[in-house]
Structures are given as C-alpha cells and as structure tokens.
Amino acid sequence: MPAIEEKPTLILSKEHQNILKVVNALLAESSALEKGKQLDKGFFLQAVDFIRNYADKFHHAKEEDILFKEMCKPGVEMHCNPTDQMRYEHDLGRGFVKEMESGLNEGSKKKVAENARNYAQLLQEHIYKEDNILYPLADSALNARAQKSMLQAFAKAEKERFAKGTKEKYLKIAKEFEKRAEKKGLRVE
C-alpha cells in the first residue's frame, strides 16, 4: 500500500507520466507513417496492449470505479463536477484505439496513423485537464478519510486486476517507448 501521506490523485498523476511516454511514441510513429515509413505492426500492437491494459484496465478503472464514484457521492461539495466529461473522453479514446486496431488488421497505414494521432492528442489534453483541474478539485473536495479509503481501494484494485509482475511489464514497455520517442525528438515533460 502507498505511503499514508500519498494522495490518490498523486498516484494517478504518476501513472499519467507512464501513459504520456506511450502517447509520445504514438505521435512519433504516426508522424513517421505519414512520411512514408513502413507500418511497424508489432509496435502498434504493443501500444494497443499497453493502452487497453495499463491505461484503461489499470488506470482509467481506478478513476472511473473509485475516484469518480467518490467525487459523485452525496455531500461532496464542488463548484462543478467534470467526471462525466472525463468518462466521455475515456470512451472516445477507447474508440480511437479500436479503430487503430482495425487499421492494423486491414493493413491501413492511414487509418492506424490517424487514430493513433487522434488518441495521442486526446490523451495529452485529457491528462492536462485531470492533472490541473480534476485532481486539484478532488483533493480539495474529498476529506482525509475518503482519500485513505481510496488508497486502500487502489491497492485492492491493482492486486485484483493485475497478476504479479504485470505492472512491471507495462512500466518496462513505457520506458522502451519513451526511448523510442526520444530518438525521434519527443519527450515527456
């Protein structure tokens, strides 16, 4: 379990950094495809796997099943609640990933590049909104008891959804993708 002083939103923000490594690699690869590079099916299949398992099953599920539900409980006071918009963007991203995979199956460089770019751009904006609007809002609206309960729920969710070593597998992929993107001049800031 994370240290007591750690906030659920800090954990989610750290996970965003791993997701952005893959997002940057997707941008680099989609740009290369648009410039005539051959379709690297293995790269994109690995990206789809990372997105579906780490970004969606591991990260978005914590947001949707734990954080958003906590923020929508009666008595939680906020001047606005952007969780519906965040869910919508998660679903939009899932659609781009589905179409990217469809493009891979069809061998369509254009479809792969277009959907990879759309996903990556959506996630860049989405992560910015969560890190700079949603999470600070959650930090101020949720009391210490709720946050501690969320930390416990996060730990339980990780254990239930990911077999031992799975998280490390995806962190390794993110690191490899980061190096790949850096070779093409893209960095996570």
N, C-alpha and C. Protein backbone atom coordinates (compact mmCIF):
# COMPACT_ATOMS: atom_id res chain seq x y z
N MET A 1 0.85 -1.19 0.00
CA MET A 1 0.00 0.00 0.00
C MET A 1 0.89 1.24 0.00
N PRO A 2 0.48 2.30 -0.70
CA PRO A 2 1.29 3.52 -0.76
C PRO A 2 1.43 4.16 0.61
N ALA A 3 2.42 5.01 0.74
CA ALA A 3 2.63 5.74 2.00
C ALA A 3 1.37 6.52 2.36
N ILE A 4 1.10 6.63 3.65
CA ILE A 4 -0.11 7.30 4.15
C ILE A 4 -0.22 8.73 3.63
N GLU A 5 0.92 9.44 3.55
CA GLU A 5 0.86 10.84 3.13
C GLU A 5 0.60 10.99 1.63
N GLU A 6 0.66 9.90 0.90
CA GLU A 6 0.41 9.96 -0.54
C GLU A 6 -1.08 10.09 -0.82
N LYS A 7 -1.41 10.92 -1.78
CA LYS A 7 -2.81 11.13 -2.16
C LYS A 7 -3.15 10.25 -3.36
N PRO A 8 -4.40 9.82 -3.46
CA PRO A 8 -4.80 9.03 -4.63
C PRO A 8 -4.51 9.76 -5.95
N THR A 9 -4.72 11.06 -5.95
CA THR A 9 -4.50 11.82 -7.19
C THR A 9 -3.02 11.87 -7.57
N LEU A 10 -2.14 11.81 -6.59
CA LEU A 10 -0.71 11.78 -6.88
C LEU A 10 -0.34 10.47 -7.58
N ILE A 11 -0.93 9.38 -7.11
CA ILE A 11 -0.70 8.08 -7.75
C ILE A 11 -1.17 8.14 -9.21
N LEU A 12 -2.36 8.69 -9.42
CA LEU A 12 -2.90 8.78 -10.78
C LEU A 12 -2.04 9.68 -11.66
N SER A 13 -1.55 10.77 -11.11
CA SER A 13 -0.67 11.67 -11.89
C SER A 13 0.63 10.99 -12.27
N LYS A 14 1.17 10.18 -11.37
CA LYS A 14 2.39 9.43 -11.69
C LYS A 14 2.12 8.44 -12.82
N GLU A 15 0.95 7.81 -12.78
CA GLU A 15 0.59 6.88 -13.85
C GLU A 15 0.44 7.62 -15.18
N HIS A 16 -0.03 8.86 -15.12
CA HIS A 16 -0.13 9.67 -16.34
C HIS A 16 1.23 9.80 -17.02
N GLN A 17 2.29 9.94 -16.24
CA GLN A 17 3.62 10.10 -16.82
C GLN A 17 4.01 8.87 -17.64
N ASN A 18 3.62 7.69 -17.17
CA ASN A 18 3.89 6.46 -17.93
C ASN A 18 3.06 6.42 -19.21
N ILE A 19 1.82 6.84 -19.11
CA ILE A 19 0.94 6.86 -20.28
C ILE A 19 1.46 7.85 -21.32
N LEU A 20 1.95 8.99 -20.86
CA LEU A 20 2.48 10.00 -21.79
C LEU A 20 3.70 9.51 -22.55
N LYS A 21 4.46 8.61 -21.96
CA LYS A 21 5.61 8.03 -22.68
C LYS A 21 5.12 7.28 -23.92
N VAL A 22 4.04 6.55 -23.76
CA VAL A 22 3.48 5.79 -24.88
C VAL A 22 2.80 6.74 -25.87
N VAL A 23 2.13 7.76 -25.35
CA VAL A 23 1.49 8.77 -26.20
C VAL A 23 2.52 9.45 -27.10
N ASN A 24 3.66 9.82 -26.53
CA ASN A 24 4.71 10.47 -27.33
C ASN A 24 5.24 9.53 -28.41
N ALA A 25 5.40 8.26 -28.06
CA ALA A 25 5.86 7.29 -29.06
C ALA A 25 4.82 7.12 -30.17
N LEU A 26 3.55 7.13 -29.80
CA LEU A 26 2.48 7.04 -30.82
C LEU A 26 2.53 8.24 -31.76
N LEU A 27 2.76 9.43 -31.21
CA LEU A 27 2.87 10.62 -32.05
C LEU A 27 4.04 10.50 -33.01
N ALA A 28 5.17 10.04 -32.50
CA ALA A 28 6.36 9.89 -33.34
C ALA A 28 6.13 8.87 -34.44
N GLU A 29 5.54 7.75 -34.09
CA GLU A 29 5.31 6.69 -35.08
C GLU A 29 4.24 7.07 -36.09
N SER A 30 3.19 7.74 -35.64
CA SER A 30 2.15 8.14 -36.60
C SER A 30 2.71 9.18 -37.57
N SER A 31 3.55 10.07 -37.08
CA SER A 31 4.19 11.06 -37.94
C SER A 31 5.10 10.36 -38.97
N ALA A 32 5.85 9.37 -38.51
CA ALA A 32 6.73 8.62 -39.42
C ALA A 32 5.92 7.87 -40.48
N LEU A 33 4.78 7.31 -40.09
CA LEU A 33 3.91 6.63 -41.06
C LEU A 33 3.43 7.59 -42.12
N GLU A 34 3.04 8.78 -41.68
CA GLU A 34 2.54 9.79 -42.61
C GLU A 34 3.62 10.26 -43.58
N LYS A 35 4.89 10.07 -43.19
CA LYS A 35 6.01 10.46 -44.05
C LYS A 35 6.52 9.30 -44.89
N GLY A 36 5.78 8.17 -44.86
CA GLY A 36 6.13 7.06 -45.73
C GLY A 36 6.78 5.86 -45.07
N LYS A 37 7.03 5.89 -43.78
CA LYS A 37 7.63 4.75 -43.09
C LYS A 37 6.71 3.54 -43.19
N GLN A 38 7.32 2.36 -43.24
CA GLN A 38 6.54 1.12 -43.23
C GLN A 38 5.80 0.98 -41.90
N LEU A 39 4.65 0.34 -41.95
CA LEU A 39 3.85 0.10 -40.76
C LEU A 39 4.56 -0.92 -39.87
N ASP A 40 4.89 -0.52 -38.65
CA ASP A 40 5.51 -1.40 -37.66
C ASP A 40 4.37 -2.00 -36.83
N LYS A 41 3.83 -3.08 -37.33
CA LYS A 41 2.65 -3.70 -36.71
C LYS A 41 2.93 -4.09 -35.26
N GLY A 42 4.12 -4.61 -35.00
CA GLY A 42 4.49 -5.03 -33.65
C GLY A 42 4.43 -3.87 -32.66
N PHE A 43 4.94 -2.71 -33.07
CA PHE A 43 4.91 -1.54 -32.20
C PHE A 43 3.47 -1.16 -31.86
N PHE A 44 2.63 -1.07 -32.88
CA PHE A 44 1.26 -0.63 -32.65
C PHE A 44 0.44 -1.66 -31.87
N LEU A 45 0.70 -2.95 -32.10
CA LEU A 45 0.01 -3.97 -31.30
C LEU A 45 0.42 -3.87 -29.83
N GLN A 46 1.70 -3.61 -29.60
CA GLN A 46 2.18 -3.44 -28.23
C GLN A 46 1.57 -2.18 -27.60
N ALA A 47 1.42 -1.13 -28.39
CA ALA A 47 0.79 0.10 -27.90
C ALA A 47 -0.67 -0.15 -27.54
N VAL A 48 -1.38 -0.87 -28.38
CA VAL A 48 -2.79 -1.20 -28.10
C VAL A 48 -2.88 -2.02 -26.81
N ASP A 49 -1.99 -2.98 -26.65
CA ASP A 49 -1.96 -3.80 -25.44
C ASP A 49 -1.73 -2.92 -24.20
N PHE A 50 -0.75 -2.02 -24.29
CA PHE A 50 -0.46 -1.12 -23.17
C PHE A 50 -1.67 -0.26 -22.85
N ILE A 51 -2.27 0.33 -23.87
CA ILE A 51 -3.41 1.23 -23.66
C ILE A 51 -4.57 0.48 -23.02
N ARG A 52 -4.88 -0.68 -23.56
CA ARG A 52 -6.04 -1.43 -23.04
C ARG A 52 -5.80 -1.94 -21.62
N ASN A 53 -4.58 -2.32 -21.33
CA ASN A 53 -4.33 -2.93 -20.02
C ASN A 53 -3.82 -1.94 -18.98
N TYR A 54 -2.79 -1.17 -19.31
CA TYR A 54 -2.27 -0.23 -18.31
C TYR A 54 -3.14 1.02 -18.25
N ALA A 55 -3.32 1.69 -19.38
CA ALA A 55 -4.05 2.96 -19.36
C ALA A 55 -5.52 2.77 -19.01
N ASP A 56 -6.14 1.74 -19.55
CA ASP A 56 -7.58 1.58 -19.36
C ASP A 56 -7.92 0.68 -18.17
N LYS A 57 -7.52 -0.57 -18.24
CA LYS A 57 -7.88 -1.53 -17.19
C LYS A 57 -7.27 -1.16 -15.84
N PHE A 58 -6.07 -0.64 -15.83
CA PHE A 58 -5.35 -0.33 -14.60
C PHE A 58 -5.62 1.10 -14.14
N HIS A 59 -5.42 2.08 -15.01
CA HIS A 59 -5.51 3.49 -14.63
C HIS A 59 -6.93 4.04 -14.71
N HIS A 60 -7.54 3.99 -15.88
CA HIS A 60 -8.90 4.55 -16.03
C HIS A 60 -9.90 3.86 -15.11
N ALA A 61 -9.70 2.58 -14.87
CA ALA A 61 -10.62 1.88 -13.97
C ALA A 61 -10.54 2.44 -12.56
N LYS A 62 -9.34 2.81 -12.11
CA LYS A 62 -9.21 3.45 -10.78
C LYS A 62 -9.96 4.77 -10.76
N GLU A 63 -9.85 5.51 -11.84
CA GLU A 63 -10.57 6.79 -11.91
C GLU A 63 -12.08 6.55 -11.92
N GLU A 64 -12.53 5.73 -12.86
CA GLU A 64 -13.98 5.55 -13.05
C GLU A 64 -14.64 4.81 -11.90
N ASP A 65 -14.00 3.75 -11.41
CA ASP A 65 -14.61 2.91 -10.39
C ASP A 65 -14.39 3.41 -8.96
N ILE A 66 -13.38 4.24 -8.77
CA ILE A 66 -13.06 4.68 -7.41
C ILE A 66 -13.15 6.20 -7.27
N LEU A 67 -12.27 6.93 -7.94
CA LEU A 67 -12.22 8.39 -7.78
C LEU A 67 -13.53 9.06 -8.19
N PHE A 68 -14.01 8.78 -9.39
CA PHE A 68 -15.22 9.45 -9.87
C PHE A 68 -16.42 9.13 -8.99
N LYS A 69 -16.52 7.87 -8.57
CA LYS A 69 -17.64 7.49 -7.69
C LYS A 69 -17.56 8.24 -6.37
N GLU A 70 -16.36 8.39 -5.85
CA GLU A 70 -16.17 9.12 -4.59
C GLU A 70 -16.56 10.59 -4.77
N MET A 71 -16.19 11.16 -5.90
CA MET A 71 -16.49 12.57 -6.16
C MET A 71 -17.99 12.82 -6.37
N CYS A 72 -18.72 11.78 -6.74
CA CYS A 72 -20.16 11.92 -7.01
C CYS A 72 -21.04 11.54 -5.83
N LYS A 73 -20.42 11.20 -4.71
CA LYS A 73 -21.21 10.82 -3.53
C LYS A 73 -21.94 12.04 -2.97
N PRO A 74 -23.11 11.82 -2.39
CA PRO A 74 -23.83 12.92 -1.74
C PRO A 74 -22.95 13.54 -0.65
N GLY A 75 -23.01 14.84 -0.55
CA GLY A 75 -22.24 15.55 0.47
C GLY A 75 -20.88 16.03 0.02
N VAL A 76 -20.42 15.57 -1.14
CA VAL A 76 -19.14 16.06 -1.67
C VAL A 76 -19.45 17.35 -2.42
N GLU A 77 -18.89 18.44 -1.90
CA GLU A 77 -19.20 19.76 -2.46
C GLU A 77 -18.10 20.23 -3.40
N MET A 78 -18.52 20.55 -4.62
CA MET A 78 -17.61 21.11 -5.62
C MET A 78 -18.39 22.13 -6.43
N HIS A 79 -17.69 23.13 -6.94
CA HIS A 79 -18.38 24.13 -7.75
C HIS A 79 -18.80 23.56 -9.11
N CYS A 80 -18.15 22.47 -9.53
CA CYS A 80 -18.55 21.76 -10.74
C CYS A 80 -18.04 20.33 -10.60
N ASN A 81 -18.56 19.45 -11.42
CA ASN A 81 -18.08 18.07 -11.37
C ASN A 81 -17.82 17.59 -12.80
N PRO A 82 -16.55 17.60 -13.19
CA PRO A 82 -16.20 17.25 -14.57
C PRO A 82 -16.09 15.75 -14.86
N THR A 83 -16.55 14.90 -13.93
CA THR A 83 -16.35 13.46 -14.13
C THR A 83 -17.08 12.92 -15.36
N ASP A 84 -18.26 13.45 -15.68
CA ASP A 84 -18.97 12.98 -16.88
C ASP A 84 -18.15 13.26 -18.14
N GLN A 85 -17.54 14.42 -18.21
CA GLN A 85 -16.69 14.77 -19.35
C GLN A 85 -15.47 13.85 -19.42
N MET A 86 -14.88 13.54 -18.27
CA MET A 86 -13.71 12.66 -18.25
C MET A 86 -14.10 11.25 -18.72
N ARG A 87 -15.26 10.75 -18.28
CA ARG A 87 -15.74 9.44 -18.75
C ARG A 87 -15.95 9.46 -20.27
N TYR A 88 -16.54 10.54 -20.76
CA TYR A 88 -16.78 10.68 -22.19
C TYR A 88 -15.45 10.60 -22.96
N GLU A 89 -14.44 11.28 -22.45
CA GLU A 89 -13.13 11.27 -23.11
C GLU A 89 -12.48 9.89 -23.03
N HIS A 90 -12.67 9.17 -21.92
CA HIS A 90 -12.17 7.80 -21.84
C HIS A 90 -12.81 6.96 -22.94
N ASP A 91 -14.12 7.09 -23.10
CA ASP A 91 -14.84 6.33 -24.14
C ASP A 91 -14.38 6.73 -25.54
N LEU A 92 -14.17 8.01 -25.76
CA LEU A 92 -13.68 8.49 -27.05
C LEU A 92 -12.31 7.87 -27.35
N GLY A 93 -11.45 7.84 -26.35
CA GLY A 93 -10.14 7.21 -26.51
C GLY A 93 -10.24 5.74 -26.86
N ARG A 94 -11.16 5.04 -26.20
CA ARG A 94 -11.37 3.62 -26.49
C ARG A 94 -11.77 3.43 -27.96
N GLY A 95 -12.57 4.35 -28.46
CA GLY A 95 -12.98 4.28 -29.87
C GLY A 95 -11.79 4.45 -30.81
N PHE A 96 -10.90 5.39 -30.50
CA PHE A 96 -9.71 5.59 -31.34
C PHE A 96 -8.83 4.34 -31.32
N VAL A 97 -8.70 3.71 -30.16
CA VAL A 97 -7.87 2.51 -30.05
C VAL A 97 -8.49 1.36 -30.85
N LYS A 98 -9.79 1.23 -30.78
CA LYS A 98 -10.49 0.20 -31.55
C LYS A 98 -10.26 0.40 -33.05
N GLU A 99 -10.34 1.66 -33.50
CA GLU A 99 -10.12 1.96 -34.92
C GLU A 99 -8.66 1.79 -35.31
N MET A 100 -7.74 2.09 -34.40
CA MET A 100 -6.32 1.88 -34.67
C MET A 100 -6.07 0.38 -34.88
N GLU A 101 -6.65 -0.44 -34.01
CA GLU A 101 -6.51 -1.89 -34.15
C GLU A 101 -7.16 -2.38 -35.45
N SER A 102 -8.30 -1.83 -35.79
CA SER A 102 -8.97 -2.17 -37.04
C SER A 102 -8.06 -1.84 -38.23
N GLY A 103 -7.42 -0.69 -38.18
CA GLY A 103 -6.48 -0.30 -39.23
C GLY A 103 -5.31 -1.26 -39.33
N LEU A 104 -4.84 -1.75 -38.18
CA LEU A 104 -3.76 -2.74 -38.18
C LEU A 104 -4.21 -4.02 -38.88
N ASN A 105 -5.40 -4.46 -38.55
CA ASN A 105 -5.94 -5.69 -39.15
C ASN A 105 -6.15 -5.55 -40.65
N GLU A 106 -6.47 -4.34 -41.08
CA GLU A 106 -6.69 -4.06 -42.51
C GLU A 106 -5.38 -3.74 -43.24
N GLY A 107 -4.32 -3.48 -42.48
CA GLY A 107 -3.06 -3.06 -43.09
C GLY A 107 -3.11 -1.64 -43.61
N SER A 108 -3.98 -0.81 -43.03
CA SER A 108 -4.15 0.57 -43.47
C SER A 108 -3.29 1.54 -42.66
N LYS A 109 -2.17 1.94 -43.26
CA LYS A 109 -1.28 2.89 -42.58
C LYS A 109 -2.02 4.18 -42.22
N LYS A 110 -2.85 4.64 -43.15
CA LYS A 110 -3.57 5.90 -42.94
C LYS A 110 -4.49 5.80 -41.73
N LYS A 111 -5.23 4.72 -41.63
CA LYS A 111 -6.18 4.54 -40.52
C LYS A 111 -5.43 4.39 -39.19
N VAL A 112 -4.34 3.67 -39.20
CA VAL A 112 -3.53 3.49 -37.99
C VAL A 112 -2.97 4.84 -37.55
N ALA A 113 -2.34 5.55 -38.48
CA ALA A 113 -1.72 6.84 -38.15
C ALA A 113 -2.75 7.85 -37.65
N GLU A 114 -3.87 7.93 -38.34
CA GLU A 114 -4.92 8.89 -37.98
C GLU A 114 -5.47 8.62 -36.57
N ASN A 115 -5.76 7.37 -36.28
CA ASN A 115 -6.34 7.04 -34.98
C ASN A 115 -5.31 7.07 -33.86
N ALA A 116 -4.07 6.72 -34.16
CA ALA A 116 -3.00 6.84 -33.16
C ALA A 116 -2.80 8.31 -32.79
N ARG A 117 -2.77 9.17 -33.81
CA ARG A 117 -2.60 10.61 -33.57
C ARG A 117 -3.79 11.17 -32.80
N ASN A 118 -5.00 10.80 -33.20
CA ASN A 118 -6.19 11.30 -32.50
C ASN A 118 -6.20 10.86 -31.04
N TYR A 119 -5.84 9.61 -30.80
CA TYR A 119 -5.78 9.11 -29.42
C TYR A 119 -4.73 9.88 -28.62
N ALA A 120 -3.55 10.02 -29.20
CA ALA A 120 -2.45 10.69 -28.50
C ALA A 120 -2.79 12.15 -28.18
N GLN A 121 -3.36 12.85 -29.14
CA GLN A 121 -3.73 14.25 -28.89
C GLN A 121 -4.83 14.37 -27.85
N LEU A 122 -5.81 13.47 -27.92
CA LEU A 122 -6.87 13.45 -26.91
C LEU A 122 -6.27 13.24 -25.53
N LEU A 123 -5.38 12.25 -25.41
CA LEU A 123 -4.81 11.94 -24.10
C LEU A 123 -3.95 13.07 -23.56
N GLN A 124 -3.22 13.75 -24.42
CA GLN A 124 -2.43 14.90 -23.95
C GLN A 124 -3.34 15.94 -23.30
N GLU A 125 -4.42 16.27 -23.98
CA GLU A 125 -5.37 17.26 -23.45
C GLU A 125 -6.10 16.73 -22.22
N HIS A 126 -6.50 15.48 -22.27
CA HIS A 126 -7.24 14.84 -21.19
C HIS A 126 -6.40 14.80 -19.91
N ILE A 127 -5.16 14.38 -20.04
CA ILE A 127 -4.27 14.30 -18.88
C ILE A 127 -4.03 15.69 -18.30
N TYR A 128 -3.87 16.68 -19.16
CA TYR A 128 -3.71 18.05 -18.67
C TYR A 128 -4.91 18.46 -17.82
N LYS A 129 -6.12 18.18 -18.32
CA LYS A 129 -7.34 18.55 -17.58
C LYS A 129 -7.42 17.82 -16.24
N GLU A 130 -7.08 16.54 -16.25
CA GLU A 130 -7.15 15.80 -14.99
C GLU A 130 -6.12 16.30 -14.00
N ASP A 131 -4.88 16.44 -14.44
CA ASP A 131 -3.82 16.87 -13.52
C ASP A 131 -4.01 18.29 -13.01
N ASN A 132 -4.58 19.17 -13.82
CA ASN A 132 -4.66 20.58 -13.45
C ASN A 132 -6.04 21.08 -13.03
N ILE A 133 -7.08 20.30 -13.29
CA ILE A 133 -8.43 20.72 -12.90
C ILE A 133 -9.09 19.67 -12.01
N LEU A 134 -9.26 18.45 -12.55
CA LEU A 134 -9.99 17.41 -11.81
C LEU A 134 -9.30 17.02 -10.51
N TYR A 135 -8.02 16.72 -10.55
CA TYR A 135 -7.35 16.24 -9.35
C TYR A 135 -7.26 17.30 -8.25
N PRO A 136 -6.92 18.55 -8.57
CA PRO A 136 -6.95 19.57 -7.51
C PRO A 136 -8.36 19.73 -6.92
N LEU A 137 -9.37 19.62 -7.77
CA LEU A 137 -10.75 19.70 -7.31
C LEU A 137 -11.04 18.55 -6.34
N ALA A 138 -10.62 17.35 -6.70
CA ALA A 138 -10.81 16.17 -5.84
C ALA A 138 -10.06 16.33 -4.53
N ASP A 139 -8.82 16.82 -4.61
CA ASP A 139 -8.03 17.00 -3.39
C ASP A 139 -8.70 17.94 -2.40
N SER A 140 -9.33 18.98 -2.91
CA SER A 140 -9.97 19.94 -2.01
C SER A 140 -11.35 19.48 -1.56
N ALA A 141 -12.02 18.65 -2.36
CA ALA A 141 -13.39 18.24 -2.03
C ALA A 141 -13.46 16.98 -1.16
N LEU A 142 -12.46 16.12 -1.25
CA LEU A 142 -12.51 14.85 -0.53
C LEU A 142 -11.72 14.92 0.77
N ASN A 143 -12.35 14.51 1.85
CA ASN A 143 -11.68 14.58 3.16
C ASN A 143 -10.64 13.46 3.29
N ALA A 144 -9.86 13.53 4.36
CA ALA A 144 -8.76 12.58 4.58
C ALA A 144 -9.27 11.15 4.66
N ARG A 145 -10.42 10.94 5.28
CA ARG A 145 -10.97 9.59 5.40
C ARG A 145 -11.30 9.01 4.01
N ALA A 146 -11.91 9.83 3.18
CA ALA A 146 -12.25 9.39 1.82
C ALA A 146 -10.98 9.07 1.03
N GLN A 147 -9.97 9.92 1.19
CA GLN A 147 -8.72 9.70 0.45
C GLN A 147 -8.01 8.43 0.93
N LYS A 148 -8.03 8.19 2.23
CA LYS A 148 -7.40 6.97 2.76
C LYS A 148 -8.15 5.74 2.24
N SER A 149 -9.46 5.81 2.22
CA SER A 149 -10.28 4.72 1.70
C SER A 149 -9.97 4.47 0.23
N MET A 150 -9.76 5.54 -0.52
CA MET A 150 -9.42 5.41 -1.94
C MET A 150 -8.06 4.75 -2.12
N LEU A 151 -7.10 5.09 -1.28
CA LEU A 151 -5.78 4.46 -1.36
C LEU A 151 -5.90 2.95 -1.17
N GLN A 152 -6.71 2.55 -0.21
CA GLN A 152 -6.93 1.12 0.04
C GLN A 152 -7.63 0.47 -1.16
N ALA A 153 -8.60 1.16 -1.72
CA ALA A 153 -9.32 0.64 -2.89
C ALA A 153 -8.39 0.53 -4.10
N PHE A 154 -7.48 1.50 -4.25
CA PHE A 154 -6.50 1.44 -5.34
C PHE A 154 -5.63 0.19 -5.20
N ALA A 155 -5.12 -0.04 -3.98
CA ALA A 155 -4.25 -1.19 -3.74
C ALA A 155 -4.99 -2.50 -4.03
N LYS A 156 -6.23 -2.57 -3.60
CA LYS A 156 -7.05 -3.76 -3.83
C LYS A 156 -7.30 -3.96 -5.33
N ALA A 157 -7.62 -2.88 -6.02
CA ALA A 157 -7.88 -2.96 -7.47
C ALA A 157 -6.64 -3.43 -8.22
N GLU A 158 -5.48 -2.90 -7.85
CA GLU A 158 -4.23 -3.30 -8.50
C GLU A 158 -4.00 -4.79 -8.33
N LYS A 159 -4.21 -5.26 -7.11
CA LYS A 159 -3.98 -6.68 -6.80
C LYS A 159 -4.96 -7.58 -7.56
N GLU A 160 -6.21 -7.15 -7.65
CA GLU A 160 -7.25 -7.96 -8.31
C GLU A 160 -7.14 -7.93 -9.83
N ARG A 161 -6.71 -6.83 -10.39
CA ARG A 161 -6.74 -6.67 -11.85
C ARG A 161 -5.43 -7.04 -12.53
N PHE A 162 -4.34 -7.02 -11.80
CA PHE A 162 -3.05 -7.29 -12.40
C PHE A 162 -2.35 -8.41 -11.64
N ALA A 163 -1.97 -9.46 -12.35
CA ALA A 163 -1.18 -10.53 -11.75
C ALA A 163 0.19 -9.98 -11.39
N LYS A 164 0.85 -10.66 -10.49
CA LYS A 164 2.18 -10.23 -10.07
C LYS A 164 3.10 -10.11 -11.30
N GLY A 165 3.79 -8.99 -11.38
CA GLY A 165 4.71 -8.75 -12.48
C GLY A 165 4.10 -8.04 -13.68
N THR A 166 2.78 -7.95 -13.73
CA THR A 166 2.12 -7.33 -14.89
C THR A 166 2.38 -5.83 -14.93
N LYS A 167 2.26 -5.17 -13.79
CA LYS A 167 2.50 -3.72 -13.75
C LYS A 167 3.92 -3.43 -14.23
N GLU A 168 4.88 -4.21 -13.76
CA GLU A 168 6.28 -4.02 -14.13
C GLU A 168 6.47 -4.21 -15.64
N LYS A 169 5.75 -5.18 -16.21
CA LYS A 169 5.81 -5.42 -17.66
C LYS A 169 5.42 -4.14 -18.42
N TYR A 170 4.34 -3.50 -17.98
CA TYR A 170 3.87 -2.31 -18.69
C TYR A 170 4.75 -1.10 -18.42
N LEU A 171 5.34 -1.02 -17.24
CA LEU A 171 6.28 0.07 -16.96
C LEU A 171 7.52 -0.07 -17.85
N LYS A 172 7.94 -1.29 -18.09
CA LYS A 172 9.08 -1.55 -18.97
C LYS A 172 8.74 -1.14 -20.41
N ILE A 173 7.54 -1.47 -20.85
CA ILE A 173 7.10 -1.07 -22.20
C ILE A 173 7.10 0.46 -22.31
N ALA A 174 6.57 1.13 -21.29
CA ALA A 174 6.53 2.60 -21.30
C ALA A 174 7.94 3.17 -21.41
N LYS A 175 8.89 2.59 -20.69
CA LYS A 175 10.28 3.06 -20.73
C LYS A 175 10.88 2.84 -22.12
N GLU A 176 10.61 1.68 -22.70
CA GLU A 176 11.11 1.40 -24.06
C GLU A 176 10.51 2.37 -25.07
N PHE A 177 9.23 2.64 -24.93
CA PHE A 177 8.57 3.58 -25.84
C PHE A 177 9.10 5.00 -25.64
N GLU A 178 9.42 5.34 -24.40
CA GLU A 178 10.00 6.67 -24.13
C GLU A 178 11.31 6.82 -24.89
N LYS A 179 12.16 5.80 -24.83
CA LYS A 179 13.44 5.85 -25.55
C LYS A 179 13.22 5.96 -27.05
N ARG A 180 12.24 5.22 -27.54
CA ARG A 180 11.90 5.25 -28.96
C ARG A 180 11.47 6.65 -29.39
N ALA A 181 10.62 7.29 -28.58
CA ALA A 181 10.14 8.64 -28.89
C ALA A 181 11.27 9.65 -28.80
N GLU A 182 12.15 9.49 -27.80
CA GLU A 182 13.28 10.42 -27.65
C GLU A 182 14.19 10.39 -28.86
N LYS A 183 14.35 9.21 -29.45
CA LYS A 183 15.17 9.10 -30.67
C LYS A 183 14.58 9.93 -31.80
N LYS A 184 13.28 10.15 -31.73
CA LYS A 184 12.59 10.95 -32.75
C LYS A 184 12.34 12.37 -32.27
N GLY A 185 12.93 12.73 -31.12
CA GLY A 185 12.86 14.10 -30.64
C GLY A 185 11.65 14.46 -29.79
N LEU A 186 10.90 13.47 -29.29
CA LEU A 186 9.74 13.75 -28.44
C LEU A 186 10.04 13.33 -27.01
N ARG A 187 9.74 14.21 -26.06
CA ARG A 187 9.99 13.93 -24.64
C ARG A 187 8.75 14.22 -23.82
N VAL A 188 8.59 13.48 -22.72
CA VAL A 188 7.52 13.75 -21.75
C VAL A 188 8.05 14.81 -20.81
N GLU A 189 7.33 15.91 -20.69
CA GLU A 189 7.74 16.98 -19.77
C GLU A 189 6.99 16.89 -18.47
